[in-house]
Amino acid sequence: MGSHLKLRLSWVALLSTLVATTGCFTESSEEVTFDEGDLLLEQELSESDAETLLGEPAGVSKPAILPGLSEPAVHSLEKRVVQTLSQSSPDGLETSRAQLSAEFDVRVEARGGGDFSYRVSYRRIVYSHTLPGESVAFDSTARKADLPPSLEHLRELAGSGFSFQTTGGGLALELTEVPATVYGGDLKGVAASEFIADEIGMVLLGRGAGGSATAPAPHARRVESPVPMDINTRYSVKSTGQDTLTLDMLASVTAGAGATQVTLVGGSASVKLGGGHSFGELTVDAISGVPRHADWNRYIEISLKTDGGERIEQRKHEVVTIRPAGEPELSPGKARAVPVAKPLPPGR
C-alpha cells in the first residue's frame, strides 16, 4: 500500500509538468501544489465546438496595449487557486486538496511610445495542501514559515516579486527582473509572456480599427515533456466598459492517441491523456492590460497503468479567481462593479 500510494502521488508531479513548463506554482513528488498554467482536459473540443461557443475572434491582428495612461497607477489584486485531485483506487475514491492565495500590487508606469513598465509586489502568499497522511501550510507573513524545498520559490517570490515591460509600442512583453529560482527561461519571447500570464493573468490585447482594443490572437502552447500535448486558447470579446474589456476564454488540449511510458518514484507507468478544456472570463484594463477580474475552471483527466497492471483514473479540477483586494464575495444575482486603478501620489 505504501509504494502504491507513493506511485500515485508522484503522478501529481507529472501532471503539473505536463500542462505548463513555466510558472511559479509547481507540483512535486508527494505534494499537490499549483501550476497556474494548467489547462483542462475533459473532452476534446472540435473546431465547430469552439466556433459555437466563442465565435470568430474580433480584430485579432497585432497584440497591443493602448496608449492613454498619463500618470503611474497601482492595481491591488488577490488571486486564489483551489485545486482538487480525485483518483480511483482499490480502496475507493481518494481526494486531495490544495489552496493558494496571493495578494499583490501591480504598479504601472508609462514609458513613452505606447509602452509601459510593470512592477509586481506581493503583500502576502498563503499556501496549503492536504494529502492522505500529510498536510503543509505556508504564510509568507509568518516569521518562521517552514516549507519543503520544492516550495521555496514561494518564499522567494513573496520577498522579491518581479518586473516586466511592453516593447514595440505595446506589441510584446519582456521580463526585466525576476528571481532565477522563480523563473529560469528567456526574458523575452513566448516563454516570458506565458510566465506573466500564469502569474497575474495578463495577456496582450489586439488592436482593431482606429487603435481600439480587441480580443487577443489565439495562442498555441506546445508541451513536449514528459507527455507531448498541444494547448490551444481562443478569446472573444464578451463586453466593453469604461476603459475595460471583458473576454470569454476557451482552451482545448489534445494529445497523441498512444500512451507514454514515464518513470515515477516507486516505479514506472504507462500514461494516456484524454482531450480537455478550460473556460471562463477575464476583465482587463484596456489601457494597461492588467486584469481587473477573472474566473475560470480547469479540468484534466488521465489514465495511468502501472507495471503491475493496476489502472488508476484521476481527475483534476482547478478553480482560479482574480479579484480586487478586499472585494467581498457577491450574493447570487448581484452585479459587481469593475474597479478603477488608484493613481499614485506624486513622487512615488
Protein backbone atom coordinates (compact mmCIF):
# COMPACT_ATOMS: atom_id res chain seq x y z
CA MET A 1 0.00 0.00 0.00
CA GLY A 2 2.85 2.40 0.80
CA SER A 3 4.61 2.03 -2.55
CA HIS A 4 1.27 2.14 -4.33
CA LEU A 5 0.39 5.45 -2.67
CA LYS A 6 3.82 6.89 -3.44
CA LEU A 7 3.48 5.96 -7.10
CA ARG A 8 0.08 7.61 -7.37
CA LEU A 9 1.14 10.78 -5.61
CA SER A 10 4.24 11.01 -7.74
CA TRP A 11 1.93 11.19 -10.74
CA VAL A 12 0.77 14.53 -9.37
CA ALA A 13 4.24 15.87 -10.14
CA LEU A 14 3.94 14.56 -13.68
CA LEU A 15 0.53 16.17 -14.07
CA SER A 16 1.90 19.61 -13.32
CA THR A 17 4.83 19.24 -15.68
CA LEU A 18 2.50 18.10 -18.43
CA VAL A 19 0.43 21.21 -18.62
CA ALA A 20 2.91 24.05 -18.11
CA THR A 21 6.65 24.33 -18.29
CA THR A 22 6.86 27.69 -16.52
CA GLY A 23 5.14 29.47 -13.66
CA CYS A 24 5.95 29.73 -10.01
CA PHE A 25 3.42 27.25 -8.67
CA THR A 26 4.59 23.74 -9.46
CA GLU A 27 3.85 20.26 -8.25
CA SER A 28 6.44 17.95 -6.78
CA SER A 29 6.66 14.36 -5.67
CA GLU A 30 4.12 13.51 -2.98
CA GLU A 31 2.77 17.08 -2.95
CA VAL A 32 -0.30 18.53 -4.55
CA THR A 33 0.63 22.13 -5.34
CA PHE A 34 -0.14 24.54 -8.14
CA ASP A 35 0.94 25.22 -11.64
CA GLU A 36 -1.16 28.08 -12.78
CA GLY A 37 -0.55 27.24 -16.40
CA ASP A 38 -2.67 24.09 -16.09
CA LEU A 39 -5.34 23.74 -18.77
CA LEU A 40 -8.21 21.42 -18.55
CA LEU A 41 -8.73 18.09 -20.08
CA GLU A 42 -12.16 16.58 -20.09
CA GLN A 43 -13.18 16.00 -23.68
CA GLU A 44 -11.69 17.11 -26.96
CA LEU A 45 -13.21 20.25 -28.46
CA SER A 46 -13.73 20.30 -32.19
CA GLU A 47 -13.31 23.41 -34.32
CA SER A 48 -17.08 23.66 -34.70
CA ASP A 49 -17.48 23.50 -30.90
CA ALA A 50 -15.11 26.43 -30.49
CA GLU A 51 -16.90 28.43 -33.17
CA THR A 52 -20.25 27.85 -31.49
CA LEU A 53 -19.02 28.85 -28.04
CA LEU A 54 -16.82 31.76 -28.95
CA GLY A 55 -17.47 32.89 -32.48
CA GLU A 56 -14.71 34.31 -34.61
CA PRO A 57 -12.18 36.41 -32.68
CA ALA A 58 -12.82 40.08 -33.38
CA GLY A 59 -9.99 42.02 -34.98
CA VAL A 60 -7.14 39.85 -33.74
CA SER A 61 -4.33 41.47 -35.67
CA LYS A 62 -1.32 42.57 -33.66
CA PRO A 63 -1.29 42.43 -29.86
CA ALA A 64 -1.16 45.83 -28.26
CA ILE A 65 -1.58 47.78 -25.05
CA LEU A 66 -3.37 51.02 -25.83
CA PRO A 67 -1.83 54.41 -25.03
CA GLY A 68 -3.60 56.64 -22.52
CA LEU A 69 -2.02 56.27 -19.04
CA SER A 70 -0.93 59.77 -18.03
CA GLU A 71 0.38 59.00 -14.52
CA PRO A 72 1.54 55.95 -12.55
CA ALA A 73 -1.27 53.74 -11.25
CA VAL A 74 -1.44 50.74 -8.94
CA HIS A 75 -3.84 47.78 -9.13
CA SER A 76 -4.25 45.89 -5.84
CA LEU A 77 -5.41 42.34 -6.56
CA GLU A 78 -5.87 38.93 -4.99
CA LYS A 79 -5.55 35.68 -6.91
CA ARG A 80 -6.97 32.47 -5.49
CA VAL A 81 -6.49 28.93 -6.74
CA VAL A 82 -8.33 25.91 -5.34
CA GLN A 83 -7.27 22.56 -6.73
CA THR A 84 -8.87 19.18 -6.14
CA LEU A 85 -7.38 15.88 -7.31
CA SER A 86 -9.65 12.84 -7.24
CA GLN A 87 -8.43 9.35 -8.09
CA SER A 88 -9.85 5.87 -8.05
CA SER A 89 -8.09 3.03 -6.28
CA PRO A 90 -8.85 -0.43 -4.88
CA ASP A 91 -9.59 1.37 -1.61
CA GLY A 92 -12.19 3.62 -3.23
CA LEU A 93 -12.14 7.27 -4.27
CA GLU A 94 -9.35 9.39 -2.76
CA THR A 95 -9.33 13.18 -2.86
CA SER A 96 -6.52 15.62 -2.18
CA ARG A 97 -6.85 19.39 -1.98
CA ALA A 98 -4.54 22.37 -2.32
CA GLN A 99 -5.19 26.10 -1.98
CA LEU A 100 -3.21 29.20 -2.81
CA SER A 101 -3.95 32.88 -2.17
CA ALA A 102 -1.64 35.61 -3.48
CA GLU A 103 -2.21 39.27 -2.60
CA PHE A 104 -0.19 41.62 -4.79
CA ASP A 105 0.06 45.12 -6.25
CA VAL A 106 0.81 45.89 -9.89
CA ARG A 107 2.34 49.34 -10.38
CA VAL A 108 2.07 50.60 -13.96
CA GLU A 109 4.05 53.49 -15.44
CA ALA A 110 4.09 54.86 -18.98
CA ARG A 111 7.48 54.56 -20.73
CA GLY A 112 6.56 56.52 -23.85
CA GLY A 113 5.80 55.35 -27.37
CA GLY A 114 2.81 53.35 -26.18
CA ASP A 115 4.89 51.16 -23.84
CA PHE A 116 4.53 50.58 -20.09
CA SER A 117 6.60 49.18 -17.23
CA TYR A 118 5.07 46.96 -14.55
CA ARG A 119 6.24 46.10 -11.04
CA VAL A 120 4.52 43.20 -9.24
CA SER A 121 4.96 43.29 -5.44
CA TYR A 122 3.46 40.62 -3.19
CA ARG A 123 1.94 41.58 0.13
CA ARG A 124 1.17 38.02 1.17
CA ILE A 125 1.22 34.46 -0.19
CA VAL A 126 -0.67 31.75 1.68
CA TYR A 127 -0.48 28.12 0.60
CA SER A 128 -1.74 24.82 1.99
CA HIS A 129 -2.33 21.26 0.87
CA THR A 130 -3.82 18.18 2.45
CA LEU A 131 -2.91 14.66 1.34
CA PRO A 132 -3.51 11.29 2.96
CA GLY A 133 -1.20 11.35 5.96
CA GLU A 134 0.33 14.75 5.17
CA SER A 135 -0.51 18.44 5.38
CA VAL A 136 1.55 21.54 4.58
CA ALA A 137 0.75 25.19 5.38
CA PHE A 138 2.74 28.32 4.50
CA ASP A 139 2.13 32.00 5.18
CA SER A 140 4.74 34.43 3.86
CA THR A 141 3.95 36.90 6.67
CA ALA A 142 4.87 34.39 9.39
CA ARG A 143 8.36 34.83 10.87
CA LYS A 144 9.14 31.14 10.86
CA ALA A 145 7.34 29.57 7.93
CA ASP A 146 8.68 26.11 7.11
CA LEU A 147 8.46 24.93 3.53
CA PRO A 148 9.56 21.81 1.67
CA PRO A 149 12.49 22.57 -0.68
CA SER A 150 10.19 22.22 -3.68
CA LEU A 151 8.12 25.19 -2.47
CA GLU A 152 10.94 27.57 -1.52
CA HIS A 153 10.20 29.58 -4.67
CA LEU A 154 7.02 30.83 -2.97
CA ARG A 155 9.11 32.45 -0.26
CA GLU A 156 11.42 33.96 -2.88
CA LEU A 157 8.51 35.29 -4.92
CA ALA A 158 6.85 36.83 -1.88
CA GLY A 159 10.07 38.61 -0.94
CA SER A 160 11.14 39.91 -4.34
CA GLY A 161 8.20 39.98 -6.77
CA PHE A 162 9.11 40.59 -10.41
CA SER A 163 9.09 43.31 -13.08
CA PHE A 164 8.33 43.41 -16.80
CA GLN A 165 7.56 45.85 -19.60
CA THR A 166 5.95 46.13 -23.01
CA THR A 167 8.07 46.84 -26.07
CA GLY A 168 7.48 47.88 -29.67
CA GLY A 169 4.57 50.15 -28.82
CA GLY A 170 2.82 47.50 -26.74
CA LEU A 171 3.33 44.64 -29.19
CA ALA A 172 5.38 42.37 -26.91
CA LEU A 173 6.22 41.62 -23.26
CA GLU A 174 9.61 41.07 -21.67
CA LEU A 175 10.74 40.39 -18.12
CA THR A 176 13.19 42.88 -16.65
CA GLU A 177 13.65 41.48 -13.13
CA VAL A 178 12.75 38.03 -11.81
CA PRO A 179 14.47 35.63 -9.37
CA ALA A 180 16.15 32.69 -11.08
CA THR A 181 14.55 30.37 -8.51
CA VAL A 182 11.12 31.50 -9.69
CA TYR A 183 11.67 31.61 -13.45
CA GLY A 184 14.67 30.37 -15.40
CA GLY A 185 13.61 30.84 -19.02
CA ASP A 186 14.25 33.54 -21.62
CA LEU A 187 13.37 37.06 -20.50
CA LYS A 188 11.87 37.83 -23.92
CA GLY A 189 9.53 35.95 -26.20
CA VAL A 190 6.72 33.47 -25.76
CA ALA A 191 8.01 31.83 -22.56
CA ALA A 192 8.25 35.19 -20.75
CA SER A 193 4.74 36.17 -21.87
CA GLU A 194 3.38 32.83 -20.67
CA PHE A 195 5.06 33.26 -17.28
CA ILE A 196 3.43 36.69 -16.84
CA ALA A 197 0.04 35.29 -17.85
CA ASP A 198 0.47 32.37 -15.43
CA GLU A 199 1.33 34.68 -12.54
CA ILE A 200 -1.13 37.58 -12.84
CA GLY A 201 -3.43 36.60 -15.71
CA MET A 202 -2.25 39.34 -18.08
CA VAL A 203 -2.43 38.87 -21.86
CA LEU A 204 -1.70 41.29 -24.69
CA LEU A 205 -4.83 42.65 -26.32
CA GLY A 206 -5.28 43.00 -30.06
CA ARG A 207 -5.66 46.29 -31.87
CA GLY A 208 -8.61 46.96 -34.14
CA ALA A 209 -9.61 49.78 -36.46
CA GLY A 210 -8.65 53.17 -35.06
CA GLY A 211 -6.48 51.55 -32.37
CA SER A 212 -9.41 50.18 -30.35
CA ALA A 213 -8.77 47.20 -28.06
CA THR A 214 -9.84 43.79 -29.37
CA ALA A 215 -9.51 40.17 -28.31
CA PRO A 216 -6.01 38.67 -28.15
CA ALA A 217 -4.93 36.45 -31.00
CA PRO A 218 -5.39 32.68 -30.49
CA HIS A 219 -2.45 31.18 -28.62
CA ALA A 220 -0.94 27.72 -29.17
CA ARG A 221 1.25 26.26 -26.43
CA ARG A 222 3.26 23.11 -27.08
CA VAL A 223 4.41 20.97 -24.17
CA GLU A 224 6.99 18.35 -25.13
CA SER A 225 7.79 16.59 -21.86
CA PRO A 226 7.07 14.28 -20.21
CA VAL A 227 3.96 13.65 -22.36
CA PRO A 228 3.59 15.70 -25.59
CA MET A 229 0.44 17.78 -25.90
CA ASP A 230 -0.88 20.92 -27.58
CA ILE A 231 -2.83 23.59 -25.68
CA ASN A 232 -4.85 25.99 -27.82
CA THR A 233 -6.55 29.03 -26.28
CA ARG A 234 -9.03 31.32 -28.02
CA TYR A 235 -10.56 34.61 -26.88
CA SER A 236 -13.61 36.62 -27.88
CA VAL A 237 -14.93 39.98 -26.68
CA LYS A 238 -17.87 39.50 -24.34
CA SER A 239 -18.46 43.14 -23.42
CA THR A 240 -16.79 46.53 -23.13
CA GLY A 241 -16.92 49.13 -20.36
CA GLN A 242 -15.27 52.38 -19.41
CA ASP A 243 -11.58 51.60 -20.11
CA THR A 244 -12.24 47.86 -19.69
CA LEU A 245 -12.67 44.84 -21.93
CA THR A 246 -14.25 41.54 -20.83
CA LEU A 247 -13.10 38.43 -22.67
CA ASP A 248 -14.52 34.94 -22.92
CA MET A 249 -11.76 32.33 -22.84
CA LEU A 250 -11.87 28.77 -24.13
CA ALA A 251 -8.96 26.33 -24.38
CA SER A 252 -8.65 22.82 -25.76
CA VAL A 253 -5.93 20.28 -25.06
CA THR A 254 -5.03 17.48 -27.44
CA ALA A 255 -2.52 14.68 -27.12
CA GLY A 256 -1.39 11.73 -29.18
CA ALA A 257 -3.53 8.63 -29.32
CA GLY A 258 -0.87 6.38 -27.85
CA ALA A 259 0.30 6.02 -24.25
CA THR A 260 3.61 7.38 -22.95
CA GLN A 261 5.90 5.42 -20.63
CA VAL A 262 7.08 7.54 -17.71
CA THR A 263 9.35 6.89 -14.74
CA LEU A 264 7.95 7.81 -11.34
CA VAL A 265 9.10 7.49 -7.75
CA GLY A 266 8.23 3.94 -6.78
CA GLY A 267 8.13 2.52 -10.32
CA SER A 268 7.07 3.36 -13.86
CA ALA A 269 3.72 3.65 -15.55
CA SER A 270 2.03 3.98 -18.90
CA VAL A 271 0.12 7.27 -19.14
CA LYS A 272 -2.64 8.18 -21.56
CA LEU A 273 -4.28 11.60 -21.62
CA GLY A 274 -7.79 12.44 -22.67
CA GLY A 275 -8.68 15.62 -24.55
CA GLY A 276 -9.86 18.53 -22.47
CA HIS A 277 -10.73 22.17 -22.00
CA SER A 278 -10.76 25.23 -19.78
CA PHE A 279 -13.25 28.05 -19.84
CA GLY A 280 -14.01 31.34 -18.12
CA GLU A 281 -13.90 35.10 -18.47
CA LEU A 282 -11.34 37.83 -17.89
CA THR A 283 -11.91 41.59 -17.47
CA VAL A 284 -8.83 43.69 -18.20
CA ASP A 285 -7.86 47.34 -18.11
CA ALA A 286 -7.95 48.40 -21.77
CA ILE A 287 -5.10 50.89 -21.25
CA SER A 288 -2.55 48.85 -19.27
CA GLY A 289 -3.83 45.31 -19.90
CA VAL A 290 -3.76 44.49 -16.15
CA PRO A 291 -6.57 42.11 -15.10
CA ARG A 292 -9.41 43.64 -13.10
CA HIS A 293 -11.47 40.50 -12.55
CA ALA A 294 -11.26 36.84 -13.65
CA ASP A 295 -12.99 33.49 -13.14
CA TRP A 296 -12.10 30.26 -14.87
CA ASN A 297 -12.27 26.49 -14.42
CA ARG A 298 -9.71 23.93 -15.46
CA TYR A 299 -10.06 20.15 -15.72
CA ILE A 300 -7.73 17.34 -16.65
CA GLU A 301 -8.35 13.60 -16.89
CA ILE A 302 -5.72 10.91 -17.26
CA SER A 303 -5.45 7.16 -17.17
CA LEU A 304 -2.37 5.57 -15.61
CA LYS A 305 -1.43 1.89 -15.80
CA THR A 306 1.36 0.60 -13.58
CA ASP A 307 3.90 -2.07 -14.50
CA GLY A 308 1.92 -4.40 -12.26
CA GLY A 309 -1.19 -3.96 -14.38
CA GLU A 310 -3.06 -1.71 -11.95
CA ARG A 311 -5.10 1.04 -13.63
CA ILE A 312 -5.61 4.37 -11.87
CA GLU A 313 -8.04 7.02 -13.12
CA GLN A 314 -7.58 10.63 -11.99
CA ARG A 315 -9.42 13.90 -12.42
CA LYS A 316 -8.00 17.29 -11.50
CA HIS A 317 -10.26 20.32 -11.12
CA GLU A 318 -8.87 23.79 -10.56
CA VAL A 319 -10.83 26.99 -9.92
CA VAL A 320 -8.95 30.28 -10.41
CA THR A 321 -10.25 33.73 -9.46
CA ILE A 322 -8.75 37.22 -9.57
CA ARG A 323 -10.42 39.98 -7.58
CA PRO A 324 -9.64 43.49 -6.39
CA ALA A 325 -8.05 43.23 -2.95
CA GLY A 326 -10.65 43.20 -0.21
CA GLU A 327 -13.62 42.63 -2.51
CA PRO A 328 -16.31 40.69 -0.60
CA GLU A 329 -17.99 37.63 -2.03
CA LEU A 330 -21.05 38.53 -4.09
CA SER A 331 -24.55 37.35 -3.30
CA PRO A 332 -26.20 35.32 -6.07
CA GLY A 333 -27.55 37.57 -8.81
CA LYS A 334 -25.80 40.70 -7.53
CA ALA A 335 -23.88 42.67 -10.14
CA ARG A 336 -20.27 43.56 -9.49
CA ALA A 337 -18.56 46.88 -10.08
CA VAL A 338 -15.32 46.95 -12.08
CA PRO A 339 -12.70 48.82 -10.02
CA VAL A 340 -10.61 51.74 -11.24
CA ALA A 341 -6.86 51.73 -10.60
CA LYS A 342 -5.66 54.18 -7.96
CA PRO A 343 -3.34 56.98 -9.19
CA LEU A 344 -0.16 57.11 -7.14
CA PRO A 345 0.75 60.26 -5.22
CA PRO A 346 3.44 62.40 -6.92
CA GLY A 347 6.99 61.35 -6.19
CA ARG A 348 6.20 57.65 -5.55
